[in-house]
C-alpha atoms as a PDB file:
ATOM      1  CA  MET A   1      30.367 134.005 127.039  1.00  0.00           C
ATOM      2  CA  GLN A   2      33.867 133.013 128.089  1.00  0.00           C
ATOM      3  CA  SER A   3      36.169 135.858 129.099  1.00  0.00           C
ATOM      4  CA  LEU A   4      39.176 136.500 126.925  1.00  0.00           C
ATOM      5  CA  SER A   5      42.668 135.968 128.251  1.00  0.00           C
ATOM      6  CA  THR A   6      44.923 138.970 128.729  1.00  0.00           C
ATOM      7  CA  ASN A   7      47.838 137.269 126.983  1.00  0.00           C
ATOM      8  CA  LEU A   8      47.853 136.715 123.265  1.00  0.00           C
ATOM      9  CA  SER A   9      50.392 134.640 121.401  1.00  0.00           C
ATOM     10  CA  SER A  10      52.867 137.239 120.166  1.00  0.00           C
ATOM     11  CA  GLU A  11      54.054 134.798 117.507  1.00  0.00           C
ATOM     12  CA  ARG A  12      50.540 134.330 116.153  1.00  0.00           C
ATOM     13  CA  VAL A  13      49.942 138.073 116.013  1.00  0.00           C
ATOM     14  CA  LYS A  14      53.164 138.442 114.007  1.00  0.00           C
ATOM     15  CA  HIS A  15      52.172 135.514 111.793  1.00  0.00           C
ATOM     16  CA  PHE A  16      48.790 136.955 110.869  1.00  0.00           C
ATOM     17  CA  ARG A  17      50.267 140.428 110.316  1.00  0.00           C
ATOM     18  CA  LYS A  18      52.964 139.129 107.988  1.00  0.00           C
ATOM     19  CA  ASP A  19      50.490 136.801 106.289  1.00  0.00           C
ATOM     20  CA  ASN A  20      48.518 139.905 105.315  1.00  0.00           C
ATOM     21  CA  GLY A  21      51.692 141.624 104.170  1.00  0.00           C
ATOM     22  CA  TRP A  22      51.283 144.428 106.715  1.00  0.00           C
ATOM     23  CA  SER A  23      53.815 146.417 108.657  1.00  0.00           C
ATOM     24  CA  GLN A  24      53.073 147.244 112.279  1.00  0.00           C
ATOM     25  CA  GLU A  25      51.993 150.724 111.159  1.00  0.00           C
ATOM     26  CA  LEU A  26      49.500 149.307 108.642  1.00  0.00           C
ATOM     27  CA  LEU A  27      48.114 146.889 111.231  1.00  0.00           C
ATOM     28  CA  ALA A  28      47.643 149.802 113.616  1.00  0.00           C
ATOM     29  CA  LYS A  29      45.617 151.667 110.971  1.00  0.00           C
ATOM     30  CA  ALA A  30      43.610 148.589 109.971  1.00  0.00           C
ATOM     31  CA  SER A  31      42.710 147.762 113.579  1.00  0.00           C
ATOM     32  CA  GLY A  32      42.274 151.318 114.844  1.00  0.00           C
ATOM     33  CA  LEU A  33      44.876 150.710 117.542  1.00  0.00           C
ATOM     34  CA  SER A  34      47.991 152.663 118.371  1.00  0.00           C
ATOM     35  CA  LEU A  35      51.391 151.557 117.108  1.00  0.00           C
ATOM     36  CA  ARG A  36      52.535 151.180 120.724  1.00  0.00           C
ATOM     37  CA  THR A  37      49.667 148.739 121.395  1.00  0.00           C
ATOM     38  CA  ILE A  38      50.634 146.652 118.371  1.00  0.00           C
ATOM     39  CA  GLN A  39      54.276 146.599 119.448  1.00  0.00           C
ATOM     40  CA  ARG A  40      53.307 145.545 122.966  1.00  0.00           C
ATOM     41  CA  ALA A  41      51.088 142.730 121.648  1.00  0.00           C
ATOM     42  CA  GLU A  42      53.888 141.424 119.442  1.00  0.00           C
ATOM     43  CA  LYS A  43      56.469 141.685 122.199  1.00  0.00           C
ATOM     44  CA  ASP A  44      54.823 139.886 125.121  1.00  0.00           C
ATOM     45  CA  GLY A  45      51.190 139.296 124.115  1.00  0.00           C
ATOM     46  CA  ASN A  46      49.906 141.643 126.793  1.00  0.00           C
ATOM     47  CA  SER A  47      46.607 143.176 125.650  1.00  0.00           C
ATOM     48  CA  SER A  48      43.100 144.115 126.675  1.00  0.00           C
ATOM     49  CA  ALA A  49      39.900 142.439 125.505  1.00  0.00           C
ATOM     50  CA  GLU A  50      39.244 145.416 123.216  1.00  0.00           C
ATOM     51  CA  THR A  51      42.677 145.027 121.622  1.00  0.00           C
ATOM     52  CA  GLN A  52      42.082 141.321 121.029  1.00  0.00           C
ATOM     53  CA  LEU A  53      38.745 141.942 119.352  1.00  0.00           C
ATOM     54  CA  ALA A  54      40.177 144.748 117.226  1.00  0.00           C
ATOM     55  CA  LEU A  55      43.062 142.555 116.035  1.00  0.00           C
ATOM     56  CA  ALA A  56      40.751 139.628 115.283  1.00  0.00           C
ATOM     57  CA  ALA A  57      38.463 141.935 113.282  1.00  0.00           C
ATOM     58  CA  ALA A  58      41.427 143.329 111.334  1.00  0.00           C
ATOM     59  CA  PHE A  59      42.674 139.824 110.497  1.00  0.00           C
ATOM     60  CA  ASN A  60      39.085 138.575 109.888  1.00  0.00           C
ATOM     61  CA  ILE A  61      39.574 135.636 112.244  1.00  0.00           C
ATOM     62  CA  SER A  62      38.124 134.387 115.515  1.00  0.00           C
ATOM     63  CA  PRO A  63      39.754 135.944 118.615  1.00  0.00           C
ATOM     64  CA  LYS A  64      40.688 132.493 119.935  1.00  0.00           C
ATOM     65  CA  GLU A  65      43.027 132.030 116.953  1.00  0.00           C
ATOM     66  CA  LEU A  66      45.268 134.695 118.465  1.00  0.00           C
ATOM     67  CA  PHE A  67      45.916 132.729 121.647  1.00  0.00           C
ATOM     68  CA  PRO A  68      48.649 130.158 122.273  1.00  0.00           C
ATOM     69  CA  VAL A  69      47.700 126.676 121.133  1.00  0.00           C
ATOM     70  CA  SER A  70      47.436 124.249 124.030  1.00  0.00           C
ATOM     71  CA  SER A  71      49.457 121.076 123.547  1.00  0.00           C
ATOM     72  CA  THR A  72      47.728 119.153 126.336  1.00  0.00           C
ATOM     73  CA  LEU A  73      44.220 117.911 127.017  1.00  0.00           C
ATOM     74  CA  ASP A  74      42.460 118.572 130.290  1.00  0.00           C
ATOM     75  CA  VAL A  75      40.912 115.177 131.018  1.00  0.00           C
ATOM     76  CA  ASN A  76      39.313 113.592 134.052  1.00  0.00           C
ATOM     77  CA  TRP A  77      39.473 109.833 134.456  1.00  0.00           C
ATOM     78  CA  LYS A  78      36.533 108.340 136.343  1.00  0.00           C
ATOM     79  CA  ARG A  79      36.133 104.633 136.963  1.00  0.00           C
ATOM     80  CA  LYS A  80      32.429 104.822 136.149  1.00  0.00           C
ATOM     81  CA  ASN A  81      33.052 106.310 132.717  1.00  0.00           C
ATOM     82  CA  ILE A  82      35.907 103.927 132.016  1.00  0.00           C
ATOM     83  CA  MET A  83      33.661 100.949 132.779  1.00  0.00           C
ATOM     84  CA  GLN A  84      30.794 102.385 130.709  1.00  0.00           C
ATOM     85  CA  SER A  85      33.035 102.857 127.673  1.00  0.00           C
ATOM     86  CA  PHE A  86      34.599  99.429 128.161  1.00  0.00           C
ATOM     87  CA  LEU A  87      31.181  97.748 128.360  1.00  0.00           C
ATOM     88  CA  ALA A  88      30.007  99.680 125.295  1.00  0.00           C
ATOM     89  CA  LEU A  89      33.023  98.416 123.352  1.00  0.00           C
ATOM     90  CA  LEU A  90      32.292  94.881 124.519  1.00  0.00           C
ATOM     91  CA  VAL A  91      28.702  95.215 123.283  1.00  0.00           C
ATOM     92  CA  VAL A  92      29.825  96.482 119.877  1.00  0.00           C
ATOM     93  CA  THR A  93      32.451  93.732 119.608  1.00  0.00           C
ATOM     94  CA  GLY A  94      29.927  91.113 120.708  1.00  0.00           C
ATOM     95  CA  VAL A  95      27.307  92.229 118.196  1.00  0.00           C
ATOM     96  CA  VAL A  96      29.784  92.221 115.314  1.00  0.00           C
ATOM     97  CA  THR A  97      31.106  88.811 116.387  1.00  0.00           C
ATOM     98  CA  MET A  98      27.576  87.415 116.655  1.00  0.00           C
ATOM     99  CA  LEU A  99      26.721  88.618 113.158  1.00  0.00           C
ATOM    100  CA  ALA A 100      29.918  87.057 111.842  1.00  0.00           C
ATOM    101  CA  ILE A 101      29.015  83.721 113.464  1.00  0.00           C
ATOM    102  CA  LEU A 102      25.480  83.866 112.040  1.00  0.00           C
ATOM    103  CA  ALA A 103      26.929  84.655 108.617  1.00  0.00           C
ATOM    104  CA  GLY A 104      28.878  81.412 108.559  1.00  0.00           C
ATOM    105  CA  GLY A 105      31.766  81.614 111.005  1.00  0.00           C
ATOM    106  CA  ILE A 106      34.398  84.037 112.204  1.00  0.00           C
ATOM    107  CA  SER A 107      37.228  82.413 110.266  1.00  0.00           C
ATOM    108  CA  GLN A 108      35.935  83.654 106.925  1.00  0.00           C
ATOM    109  CA  PHE A 109      36.141  87.251 108.163  1.00  0.00           C
ATOM    110  CA  ILE A 110      39.739  87.037 109.331  1.00  0.00           C
ATOM    111  CA  ASP A 111      42.267  88.507 106.919  1.00  0.00           C
ATOM    112  CA  VAL A 112      45.387  89.834 108.620  1.00  0.00           C
ATOM    113  CA  GLN A 113      46.798  91.292 105.399  1.00  0.00           C
ATOM    114  CA  SER A 114      43.689  93.417 104.808  1.00  0.00           C
ATOM    115  CA  LEU A 115      43.706  94.689 108.388  1.00  0.00           C
ATOM    116  CA  LEU A 116      47.383  95.617 108.209  1.00  0.00           C
ATOM    117  CA  PHE A 117      46.843  97.347 104.870  1.00  0.00           C
ATOM    118  CA  VAL A 118      44.050  99.665 106.052  1.00  0.00           C
ATOM    119  CA  LEU A 119      45.864 100.491 109.300  1.00  0.00           C
ATOM    120  CA  LEU A 120      49.246 101.147 107.683  1.00  0.00           C
ATOM    121  CA  PHE A 121      47.650 103.224 104.921  1.00  0.00           C
ATOM    122  CA  MET A 122      45.668 105.291 107.441  1.00  0.00           C
ATOM    123  CA  TYR A 123      48.656 105.984 109.672  1.00  0.00           C
ATOM    124  CA  ALA A 124      50.956 106.705 106.726  1.00  0.00           C
ATOM    125  CA  ALA A 125      48.421 109.246 105.442  1.00  0.00           C
ATOM    126  CA  THR A 126      48.249 110.713 108.961  1.00  0.00           C
ATOM    127  CA  VAL A 127      52.006 111.277 108.930  1.00  0.00           C
ATOM    128  CA  ILE A 128      51.779 112.967 105.528  1.00  0.00           C
ATOM    129  CA  ALA A 129      48.948 115.235 106.679  1.00  0.00           C
ATOM    130  CA  PHE A 130      49.936 115.970 110.292  1.00  0.00           C
ATOM    131  CA  GLY A 131      53.539 114.814 110.662  1.00  0.00           C
ATOM    132  CA  SER A 132      54.927 112.396 113.209  1.00  0.00           C
ATOM    133  CA  THR A 133      53.570 114.589 116.022  1.00  0.00           C
ATOM    134  CA  GLY A 134      50.034 114.144 114.730  1.00  0.00           C
ATOM    135  CA  LEU A 135      50.585 110.398 114.475  1.00  0.00           C
ATOM    136  CA  LEU A 136      51.759 110.174 118.098  1.00  0.00           C
ATOM    137  CA  LYS A 137      48.811 112.301 119.250  1.00  0.00           C
ATOM    138  CA  SER A 138      46.402 109.981 117.439  1.00  0.00           C
ATOM    139  CA  PHE A 139      47.904 106.946 119.195  1.00  0.00           C
ATOM    140  CA  LYS A 140      47.671 108.624 122.595  1.00  0.00           C
ATOM    141  CA  GLY A 141      44.214 109.936 121.769  1.00  0.00           C
ATOM    142  CA  LEU A 142      42.791 106.419 121.542  1.00  0.00           C
ATOM    143  CA  SER A 143      42.882 106.248 125.336  1.00  0.00           C
ATOM    144  CA  TYR A 144      40.460 109.183 125.576  1.00  0.00           C
ATOM    145  CA  LEU A 145      37.680 106.854 124.509  1.00  0.00           C
ATOM    146  CA  PHE A 146      37.583 105.874 128.202  1.00  0.00           C
ATOM    147  CA  ALA A 147      37.940 109.424 129.565  1.00  0.00           C
ATOM    148  CA  SER A 148      35.293 111.801 130.873  1.00  0.00           C
ATOM    149  CA  ASP A 149      34.929 115.572 131.221  1.00  0.00           C
ATOM    150  CA  ILE A 150      37.304 116.478 128.398  1.00  0.00           C
ATOM    151  CA  SER A 151      37.657 120.258 128.507  1.00  0.00           C
ATOM    152  CA  PRO A 152      37.578 121.975 125.091  1.00  0.00           C
ATOM    153  CA  THR A 153      40.991 123.333 124.109  1.00  0.00           C
ATOM    154  CA  PRO A 154      42.843 123.829 120.818  1.00  0.00           C
ATOM    155  CA  ALA A 155      44.425 120.432 121.540  1.00  0.00           C
ATOM    156  CA  THR A 156      41.018 118.695 121.577  1.00  0.00           C
ATOM    157  CA  GLU A 157      40.042 120.462 118.342  1.00  0.00           C
ATOM    158  CA  PHE A 158      43.288 119.368 116.687  1.00  0.00           C
ATOM    159  CA  LEU A 159      42.895 115.767 117.838  1.00  0.00           C
ATOM    160  CA  SER A 160      39.277 115.728 116.673  1.00  0.00           C
ATOM    161  CA  VAL A 161      40.402 116.925 113.231  1.00  0.00           C
ATOM    162  CA  ILE A 162      43.001 114.136 113.098  1.00  0.00           C
ATOM    163  CA  PHE A 163      40.402 111.456 113.880  1.00  0.00           C
ATOM    164  CA  LYS A 164      37.978 112.887 111.306  1.00  0.00           C
ATOM    165  CA  ARG A 165      40.665 112.827 108.641  1.00  0.00           C
ATOM    166  CA  GLN A 166      41.648 109.296 109.622  1.00  0.00           C
ATOM    167  CA  ILE A 167      38.079 108.243 108.833  1.00  0.00           C
ATOM    168  CA  TYR A 168      38.591 109.521 105.290  1.00  0.00           C
ATOM    169  CA  PHE A 169      42.019 107.903 105.112  1.00  0.00           C
ATOM    170  CA  ILE A 170      40.813 104.471 106.193  1.00  0.00           C
ATOM    171  CA  TYR A 171      37.852 104.492 103.804  1.00  0.00           C
ATOM    172  CA  GLY A 172      40.277 105.617 101.115  1.00  0.00           C
ATOM    173  CA  ALA A 173      42.450 102.618 101.937  1.00  0.00           C
ATOM    174  CA  ALA A 174      39.397 100.353 101.685  1.00  0.00           C
ATOM    175  CA  LEU A 175      38.481 101.807  98.283  1.00  0.00           C
ATOM    176  CA  ILE A 176      41.997 101.278  96.973  1.00  0.00           C
ATOM    177  CA  GLY A 177      42.012  97.733  98.341  1.00  0.00           C
ATOM    178  CA  LEU A 178      38.649  97.004  96.717  1.00  0.00           C
ATOM    179  CA  LEU A 179      39.769  98.374  93.361  1.00  0.00           C
ATOM    180  CA  ILE A 180      43.060  96.476  93.366  1.00  0.00           C
ATOM    181  CA  GLY A 181      41.311  93.290  94.484  1.00  0.00           C
ATOM    182  CA  SER A 182      38.593  93.683  91.850  1.00  0.00           C
ATOM    183  CA  ILE A 183      41.131  94.170  89.090  1.00  0.00           C
ATOM    184  CA  ALA A 184      43.052  91.106  90.260  1.00  0.00           C
ATOM    185  CA  ILE A 185      39.870  89.012  90.458  1.00  0.00           C
ATOM    186  CA  HIS A 186      38.582  90.007  87.026  1.00  0.00           C
ATOM    187  CA  THR A 187      42.005  89.447  85.520  1.00  0.00           C
ATOM    188  CA  ASN A 188      42.832  86.054  87.045  1.00  0.00           C
ATOM    189  CA  VAL A 189      39.618  84.283  88.132  1.00  0.00           C
ATOM    190  CA  ASP A 190      37.501  82.384  85.607  1.00  0.00           C
ATOM    191  CA  GLU A 191      35.359  79.899  87.523  1.00  0.00           C
ATOM    192  CA  ALA A 192      32.145  81.334  89.020  1.00  0.00           C
ATOM    193  CA  ILE A 193      32.490  79.699  92.460  1.00  0.00           C
ATOM    194  CA  ILE A 194      36.066  80.878  92.912  1.00  0.00           C
ATOM    195  CA  PHE A 195      35.052  84.282  91.574  1.00  0.00           C
ATOM    196  CA  HIS A 196      32.385  84.773  94.254  1.00  0.00           C
ATOM    197  CA  ARG A 197      34.663  83.521  97.026  1.00  0.00           C
ATOM    198  CA  ALA A 198      37.409  85.866  95.910  1.00  0.00           C
ATOM    199  CA  TYR A 199      34.995  88.797  95.936  1.00  0.00           C
ATOM    200  CA  ALA A 200      33.849  87.890  99.430  1.00  0.00           C
ATOM    201  CA  VAL A 201      37.442  88.066 100.651  1.00  0.00           C
ATOM    202  CA  ASN A 202      37.861  91.326  98.752  1.00  0.00           C
ATOM    203  CA  LEU A 203      35.025  92.928 100.736  1.00  0.00           C
ATOM    204  CA  VAL A 204      36.701  92.178 104.070  1.00  0.00           C
ATOM    205  CA  VAL A 205      38.936  95.230 103.662  1.00  0.00           C
ATOM    206  CA  LEU A 206      35.836  97.441 103.577  1.00  0.00           C
ATOM    207  CA  LEU A 207      34.437  95.680 106.636  1.00  0.00           C
ATOM    208  CA  TYR A 208      37.598  96.363 108.624  1.00  0.00           C
ATOM    209  CA  ALA A 209      37.584 100.015 107.570  1.00  0.00           C
ATOM    210  CA  ALA A 210      33.931 100.419 108.608  1.00  0.00           C
ATOM    211  CA  ILE A 211      34.466  98.775 112.015  1.00  0.00           C
ATOM    212  CA  ILE A 212      37.481 100.948 112.840  1.00  0.00           C
ATOM    213  CA  ALA A 213      35.975 104.169 111.470  1.00  0.00           C
ATOM    214  CA  GLU A 214      32.462 103.843 112.887  1.00  0.00           C
ATOM    215  CA  GLY A 215      33.251 101.907 116.051  1.00  0.00           C
ATOM    216  CA  LEU A 216      36.342 103.803 117.158  1.00  0.00           C
ATOM    217  CA  LEU A 217      37.396 106.919 115.252  1.00  0.00           C
ATOM    218  CA  ARG A 218      34.019 108.609 114.815  1.00  0.00           C
ATOM    219  CA  PRO A 219      32.956 108.119 118.473  1.00  0.00           C
ATOM    220  CA  LEU A 220      36.300 109.548 119.564  1.00  0.00           C
ATOM    221  CA  ALA A 221      35.950 112.603 117.331  1.00  0.00           C
ATOM    222  CA  ALA A 222      32.400 113.160 118.578  1.00  0.00           C
ATOM    223  CA  LYS A 223      33.501 112.803 122.200  1.00  0.00           C
ATOM    224  CA  LEU A 224      36.188 115.435 121.765  1.00  0.00           C
ATOM    225  CA  GLU A 225      33.703 117.812 120.135  1.00  0.00           C
ATOM    226  CA  HIS A 226      30.607 117.463 122.275  1.00  0.00           C
ATOM    227  CA  ARG A 227      32.056 119.298 125.282  1.00  0.00           C
ATOM    228  CA  GLU A 228      32.743 122.416 123.257  1.00  0.00           C
ATOM    229  CA  LEU A 229      29.308 122.259 121.630  1.00  0.00           C
ATOM    230  CA  ALA A 230      27.649 121.748 125.007  1.00  0.00           C
ATOM    231  CA  ASN A 231      29.387 124.817 126.393  1.00  0.00           C
ATOM    232  CA  LYS A 232      28.042 126.943 123.544  1.00  0.00           C
ATOM    233  CA  PHE A 233      24.473 126.017 124.429  1.00  0.00           C
ATOM    234  CA  ASP A 234      24.814 126.243 128.233  1.00  0.00           C
END
């Protein structure tokens, strides 16, 4: 088990206390701690492991939620891992390209408007959900696909959550694109041959969403999570 830090986030202690509608005196009674201990924790975060556990129990949260949130990721960059990830991406790209060629040619799978739509929708939804800071973190986080030994921190958890939500966002964009395209096709296309060709183009938006979500975002989210999971089972 990892040892607890001696310094809590005083702001987070205050936040959870006020969120429960408690005064410092009520928090002291709920946690079984002295008023002086509560005041000290809210002033500079200085506390013992027992105090941290008592506060977490009173707030019904995990002790780690009382600590300052790290804004940086502890990452090691090794040439071996960078090359492995790069080769893996080449393999995925090559397989998808080969399937496209076998299916009749790459040109019929190229639709710049569909690609821009799913990307812009995903990143716009990211801004709505996480703000511009979350958007910038998601851009920077793409580089961690080539990183190794990513230490688990609140920053990795936050970035993993962003990537997981972006998977939902991009599939949501694909669904909207499919529905709009289907309505347009059924409304304006009469001839069977044109109808089928139009539907084929309509499905490209879903293809782009699947490639980005399953080939990039989900592996990144899993990579950010697996270190923390591994530590729990060590």
